[in-house]
Amino acid sequence: MTKTAHRTALLRRTEVQRRAAEMGFNTESIRLVITVFYNKVRQHQVLGPLFHASVADWGEHLAKMERFWRGVLLNSGEYSGKPVQIHAGLPTLEPDHFPIWLALFSQTLSEVSPNPDFTAHMMRRAENIAVSLVRGLGGTGNGAASTEVTS
C-alpha cells in the first residue's frame, strides 16, 4: 500500500469511527446488543436449536460476534472471517430463518439502543448482512429476508 493510500485509509477509518461515536457506538454498546440479542436467539423456539447445534462454545461465539460488529460499525479491522461461507455450511439454516433473526435484532435494538440513529444504522447493517447471507444460501436476498421482520 502506498503512503497516500495508507493515509486515505486512515482518514476514512477515523471518519467512520467519529460518526459511529456520535451515534453511540463503542465497545460497550456493541457488547450490550450482542449479549441481549444472543440471549433471545438462544431461547427462541426456532433459532435456538439451530444455534445450539452449531455453536460449541458460546463465550467464543459471542466474542467473535463482538469483533465482527466492531469491524462493521467501528471499522476496527479486528475481524477476519468468512461469514457467508460459514453460514452456507450449516445444513439446517434456511433463508426463511433470517426474517426471524432480523425481528429479534430489531426487538433487541428497541430495548437497548441509546438513540434512533444508533437503531437505524445498526438495523440497516443487519439487513444488509441478512441479504448477503441469504444470497450465500442460494436465495435471492430480496423480499422478506431483507426488509420484513416477523416474530
Protein backbone atom coordinates (compact mmCIF):
# COMPACT_ATOMS: atom_id res chain seq x y z
CA MET A 1 0.00 0.00 0.00
CA THR A 2 1.38 3.40 -0.91
CA LYS A 3 1.75 6.17 1.65
CA THR A 4 -1.12 8.08 0.05
CA ALA A 5 -3.41 5.04 0.05
CA HIS A 6 -2.47 4.26 3.64
CA ARG A 7 -3.16 7.85 4.71
CA THR A 8 -6.51 7.81 2.87
CA ALA A 9 -7.48 4.56 4.61
CA LEU A 10 -6.54 6.00 8.00
CA LEU A 11 -8.56 9.16 7.35
CA ARG A 12 -11.57 7.08 6.29
CA ARG A 13 -11.28 4.88 9.38
CA THR A 14 -11.03 7.96 11.60
CA GLU A 15 -14.14 9.47 9.99
CA VAL A 16 -16.13 6.22 10.29
CA GLN A 17 -15.17 5.96 13.96
CA ARG A 18 -16.06 9.60 14.61
CA ARG A 19 -19.52 9.17 13.08
CA ALA A 20 -20.02 5.88 14.91
CA ALA A 21 -19.14 7.52 18.23
CA GLU A 22 -21.64 10.30 17.53
CA MET A 23 -24.35 7.66 17.13
CA GLY A 24 -23.33 5.96 20.38
CA PHE A 25 -21.33 3.03 19.04
CA ASN A 26 -18.48 1.82 21.21
CA THR A 27 -17.25 -1.48 22.58
CA GLU A 28 -19.74 -1.44 25.46
CA SER A 29 -22.82 -0.57 23.38
CA ILE A 30 -21.97 -3.26 20.84
CA ARG A 31 -21.37 -5.82 23.60
CA LEU A 32 -24.78 -5.00 25.11
CA VAL A 33 -26.58 -5.50 21.79
CA ILE A 34 -24.77 -8.79 21.14
CA THR A 35 -25.40 -10.13 24.65
CA VAL A 36 -29.11 -9.28 24.69
CA PHE A 37 -29.63 -10.42 21.10
CA TYR A 38 -28.00 -13.80 21.53
CA ASN A 39 -29.86 -14.40 24.79
CA LYS A 40 -33.04 -14.01 22.73
CA VAL A 41 -31.69 -16.25 19.96
CA ARG A 42 -30.74 -19.00 22.40
CA GLN A 43 -34.25 -19.00 23.87
CA HIS A 44 -36.11 -18.78 20.55
CA GLN A 45 -38.10 -21.88 19.62
CA VAL A 46 -36.84 -21.93 16.01
CA LEU A 47 -33.42 -20.27 16.11
CA GLY A 48 -32.33 -21.65 19.47
CA PRO A 49 -31.96 -25.26 18.34
CA LEU A 50 -30.15 -24.19 15.15
CA PHE A 51 -27.58 -22.21 17.11
CA HIS A 52 -27.18 -24.79 19.85
CA ALA A 53 -26.43 -27.42 17.18
CA SER A 54 -23.68 -25.32 15.61
CA VAL A 55 -22.16 -23.27 18.46
CA ALA A 56 -19.90 -25.35 20.69
CA ASP A 57 -18.58 -22.51 22.85
CA TRP A 58 -20.95 -19.59 23.44
CA GLY A 59 -18.28 -17.42 25.05
CA GLU A 60 -16.09 -17.78 21.97
CA HIS A 61 -19.05 -17.17 19.65
CA LEU A 62 -20.11 -14.00 21.47
CA ALA A 63 -16.53 -12.69 21.43
CA LYS A 64 -16.36 -13.38 17.68
CA MET A 65 -19.68 -11.60 17.09
CA GLU A 66 -18.47 -8.59 19.06
CA ARG A 67 -15.30 -8.45 16.91
CA PHE A 68 -17.43 -8.80 13.78
CA TRP A 69 -19.79 -5.97 14.76
CA ARG A 70 -16.93 -3.73 15.90
CA GLY A 71 -15.45 -4.28 12.45
CA VAL A 72 -18.76 -3.45 10.77
CA LEU A 73 -19.64 -0.43 12.90
CA LEU A 74 -16.29 0.95 14.04
CA ASN A 75 -14.13 -0.14 11.11
CA SER A 76 -11.83 -1.70 13.71
CA GLY A 77 -10.23 -4.16 11.31
CA GLU A 78 -10.09 -6.83 14.01
CA TYR A 79 -12.43 -9.41 12.46
CA SER A 80 -11.23 -11.79 9.81
CA GLY A 81 -13.59 -14.47 8.75
CA LYS A 82 -15.91 -15.62 6.01
CA PRO A 83 -19.46 -15.31 7.34
CA VAL A 84 -21.14 -16.27 4.06
CA GLN A 85 -19.12 -19.48 3.76
CA ILE A 86 -19.63 -20.34 7.41
CA HIS A 87 -23.39 -19.88 7.21
CA ALA A 88 -23.65 -21.68 3.86
CA GLY A 89 -22.01 -24.68 5.54
CA LEU A 90 -24.75 -25.00 8.15
CA PRO A 91 -27.08 -27.74 6.87
CA THR A 92 -30.21 -26.68 8.76
CA LEU A 93 -30.01 -22.93 8.07
CA GLU A 94 -32.62 -21.69 5.61
CA PRO A 95 -33.38 -18.28 4.08
CA ASP A 96 -36.68 -18.27 5.99
CA HIS A 97 -34.76 -18.05 9.27
CA PHE A 98 -33.47 -14.56 8.52
CA PRO A 99 -36.74 -12.64 8.99
CA ILE A 100 -36.85 -14.19 12.48
CA TRP A 101 -33.22 -13.19 13.06
CA LEU A 102 -33.99 -9.65 11.94
CA ALA A 103 -37.10 -9.46 14.13
CA LEU A 104 -35.10 -10.46 17.21
CA PHE A 105 -32.40 -7.99 16.24
CA SER A 106 -34.96 -5.20 15.85
CA GLN A 107 -36.56 -6.11 19.18
CA THR A 108 -33.15 -6.03 20.85
CA LEU A 109 -32.36 -2.61 19.43
CA SER A 110 -35.72 -1.26 20.60
CA GLU A 111 -34.80 -2.38 24.12
CA VAL A 112 -31.17 -1.30 24.40
CA SER A 113 -30.38 1.31 21.75
CA PRO A 114 -29.28 4.68 23.12
CA ASN A 115 -30.92 6.66 20.29
CA PRO A 116 -32.78 6.43 16.95
CA ASP A 117 -29.64 6.98 14.84
CA PHE A 118 -27.93 4.02 16.54
CA THR A 119 -31.01 1.87 15.91
CA ALA A 120 -31.43 2.86 12.28
CA HIS A 121 -27.76 2.45 11.41
CA MET A 122 -27.30 -0.91 13.11
CA MET A 123 -30.57 -2.25 11.73
CA ARG A 124 -29.58 -1.22 8.18
CA ARG A 125 -26.30 -3.04 8.61
CA ALA A 126 -28.09 -6.13 9.96
CA GLU A 127 -30.46 -6.11 6.98
CA ASN A 128 -27.53 -5.86 4.55
CA ILE A 129 -25.82 -8.75 6.31
CA ALA A 130 -29.00 -10.84 6.14
CA VAL A 131 -29.26 -10.19 2.39
CA SER A 132 -25.66 -11.34 1.89
CA LEU A 133 -26.18 -14.46 3.95
CA VAL A 134 -29.44 -15.34 2.20
CA ARG A 135 -27.71 -14.99 -1.16
CA GLY A 136 -24.94 -17.23 0.15
CA LEU A 137 -27.57 -19.85 0.94
CA GLY A 138 -28.82 -19.69 -2.64
CA GLY A 139 -31.70 -17.31 -2.03
CA THR A 140 -32.21 -14.03 -3.82
CA GLY A 141 -31.71 -11.80 -0.81
CA ASN A 142 -34.81 -9.86 -1.81
CA GLY A 143 -38.13 -9.52 -0.05
CA ALA A 144 -38.74 -10.91 3.40
CA ALA A 145 -35.16 -11.51 4.46
CA SER A 146 -34.06 -8.01 3.61
CA THR A 147 -36.94 -5.87 4.82
CA GLU A 148 -39.73 -7.62 6.65
CA VAL A 149 -39.32 -8.73 10.21
CA THR A 150 -41.56 -11.23 11.89
CA SER A 151 -41.62 -12.63 15.38
